[in-house]
Amino acid sequence: PPGRSAQPIAPMFRDECLRCLKNIVTATAAEIVLSSSWRLHPRGRTEVDKVLQQYGIGAVIGATPNLGGGAADRAREVAAWLACPPDQVMSFVVLDDLDLVGLSGSCEVTIR
């Protein structure tokens, strides 16, 4: 079962990260938004949903837009999604396989 092995269940997914994500989602009732390049390919999104399901985590509810700049634009893509999130989303986690903190310059977002 998930959480008992240090081995990944798929090459790109680490057990300890998925267990942490499960804890975050459970504690906050957060929905998952995908910003990884996996969002650009139906098979990638399917694989992410499959892995999340194996850990008892809800499926991805949406994805950030593709602004065409690759990894350097990830922060702007997240900001673009935040500008128009679905009305029913009260709490969310942006899921990416990159470290977005140091990837690009700061991005200021105002939510009304």
Foldseek 3Di string as FASTA:
>chain_A
DQPPDQDDPDPLDGRVVLVVVVVVCVVPVAAEEEAAPLVVDPVSLVVVQVSNVVSVHHGHPYYFDCPPPPPLCSVVSVLRCQAPPDPVGDHHDYDYSDDNPPSYDDDDHDHD
